[in-house]
Amino acid sequence: MFLFPPRLDRRVVDAGRVFCPRRGSDVDVDRCAGCEFLTAFDDRANPPTIRCRPDCALPAFLLRAL
């Protein structure tokens, strides 16, 4: 049990792109859809939203491996 529940933010899909907290920038939804941290994709919402974890960006040296 968590003392504070993990934070899940809604990220808005705009023109097929969404902000990725791992990369710290916008990515194509196709790339986001394959991510292991994706928890929900609500395409019925207006605008469509994505929920994922983690809420922090990865260090720059790890981004090169992705």
C-alpha atoms as a PDB file:
ATOM      1  CA  MET A   1       0.000   0.000   0.000  1.00  0.00           C
ATOM      2  CA  PHE A   2       1.252   3.455  -0.919  1.00  0.00           C
ATOM      3  CA  LEU A   3       1.316   6.331   1.513  1.00  0.00           C
ATOM      4  CA  PHE A   4       0.650   8.597  -1.466  1.00  0.00           C
ATOM      5  CA  PRO A   5      -0.906   6.979  -4.539  1.00  0.00           C
ATOM      6  CA  PRO A   6       1.113   7.178  -7.765  1.00  0.00           C
ATOM      7  CA  ARG A   7       0.214  10.220  -9.822  1.00  0.00           C
ATOM      8  CA  LEU A   8      -1.437   9.624 -13.184  1.00  0.00           C
ATOM      9  CA  ASP A   9      -1.708  12.714 -15.330  1.00  0.00           C
ATOM     10  CA  ARG A  10      -3.857  13.054 -18.372  1.00  0.00           C
ATOM     11  CA  ARG A  11      -1.919  14.105 -21.399  1.00  0.00           C
ATOM     12  CA  VAL A  12      -3.842  15.606 -24.288  1.00  0.00           C
ATOM     13  CA  VAL A  13      -3.422  14.186 -27.789  1.00  0.00           C
ATOM     14  CA  ASP A  14      -3.080  17.028 -30.307  1.00  0.00           C
ATOM     15  CA  ALA A  15      -2.697  16.390 -34.039  1.00  0.00           C
ATOM     16  CA  GLY A  16      -1.538  12.822 -33.399  1.00  0.00           C
ATOM     17  CA  ARG A  17       1.134  13.868 -30.881  1.00  0.00           C
ATOM     18  CA  VAL A  18       1.293  13.728 -27.094  1.00  0.00           C
ATOM     19  CA  PHE A  19       3.780  14.888 -24.455  1.00  0.00           C
ATOM     20  CA  CYS A  20       6.013  12.065 -23.239  1.00  0.00           C
ATOM     21  CA  PRO A  21       7.296  12.511 -19.670  1.00  0.00           C
ATOM     22  CA  ARG A  22      10.073   9.967 -20.304  1.00  0.00           C
ATOM     23  CA  ARG A  23      11.523  11.912 -23.216  1.00  0.00           C
ATOM     24  CA  GLY A  24      10.502  15.386 -22.087  1.00  0.00           C
ATOM     25  CA  SER A  25       9.001  16.254 -25.491  1.00  0.00           C
ATOM     26  CA  ASP A  26       6.104  15.500 -27.824  1.00  0.00           C
ATOM     27  CA  VAL A  27       6.023  12.121 -29.596  1.00  0.00           C
ATOM     28  CA  ASP A  28       3.722  10.449 -32.103  1.00  0.00           C
ATOM     29  CA  VAL A  29       0.833   8.617 -30.464  1.00  0.00           C
ATOM     30  CA  ASP A  30       2.017   5.418 -32.179  1.00  0.00           C
ATOM     31  CA  ARG A  31       5.237   5.557 -30.181  1.00  0.00           C
ATOM     32  CA  CYS A  32       3.352   6.290 -26.981  1.00  0.00           C
ATOM     33  CA  ALA A  33       0.919   3.426 -27.598  1.00  0.00           C
ATOM     34  CA  GLY A  34       3.762   0.899 -27.436  1.00  0.00           C
ATOM     35  CA  CYS A  35       5.241   2.257 -24.217  1.00  0.00           C
ATOM     36  CA  GLU A  36       5.256   0.056 -21.121  1.00  0.00           C
ATOM     37  CA  PHE A  37       4.180   3.003 -18.935  1.00  0.00           C
ATOM     38  CA  LEU A  38       0.896   3.618 -20.797  1.00  0.00           C
ATOM     39  CA  THR A  39      -2.036   2.954 -18.452  1.00  0.00           C
ATOM     40  CA  ALA A  40      -5.031   4.276 -20.409  1.00  0.00           C
ATOM     41  CA  PHE A  41      -5.936   5.777 -23.757  1.00  0.00           C
ATOM     42  CA  ASP A  42      -9.300   7.569 -23.884  1.00  0.00           C
ATOM     43  CA  ASP A  43     -10.119   8.239 -27.515  1.00  0.00           C
ATOM     44  CA  ARG A  44     -13.758   9.061 -26.658  1.00  0.00           C
ATOM     45  CA  ALA A  45     -12.758  12.092 -24.604  1.00  0.00           C
ATOM     46  CA  ASN A  46     -12.794  15.488 -26.265  1.00  0.00           C
ATOM     47  CA  PRO A  47      -9.892  16.016 -26.786  1.00  0.00           C
ATOM     48  CA  PRO A  48      -8.490  12.447 -26.585  1.00  0.00           C
ATOM     49  CA  THR A  49      -6.206  11.832 -23.619  1.00  0.00           C
ATOM     50  CA  ILE A  50      -3.506   9.416 -22.552  1.00  0.00           C
ATOM     51  CA  ARG A  51      -2.601   8.444 -18.988  1.00  0.00           C
ATOM     52  CA  CYS A  52       0.808   7.080 -18.166  1.00  0.00           C
ATOM     53  CA  ARG A  53       3.617   6.777 -15.632  1.00  0.00           C
ATOM     54  CA  PRO A  54       6.289   7.892 -14.769  1.00  0.00           C
ATOM     55  CA  ASP A  55       5.845  11.606 -14.187  1.00  0.00           C
ATOM     56  CA  CYS A  56       9.553  12.348 -14.363  1.00  0.00           C
ATOM     57  CA  ALA A  57      11.793  12.512 -17.402  1.00  0.00           C
ATOM     58  CA  LEU A  58      14.613  10.060 -17.883  1.00  0.00           C
ATOM     59  CA  PRO A  59      18.205  11.320 -17.584  1.00  0.00           C
ATOM     60  CA  ALA A  60      19.695  12.382 -20.926  1.00  0.00           C
ATOM     61  CA  PHE A  61      22.234   9.535 -21.016  1.00  0.00           C
ATOM     62  CA  LEU A  62      19.389   6.986 -20.888  1.00  0.00           C
ATOM     63  CA  LEU A  63      17.409   8.697 -23.671  1.00  0.00           C
ATOM     64  CA  ARG A  64      20.133   7.830 -26.190  1.00  0.00           C
ATOM     65  CA  ALA A  65      19.379   4.120 -25.646  1.00  0.00           C
ATOM     66  CA  LEU A  66      15.684   4.576 -26.449  1.00  0.00           C
END
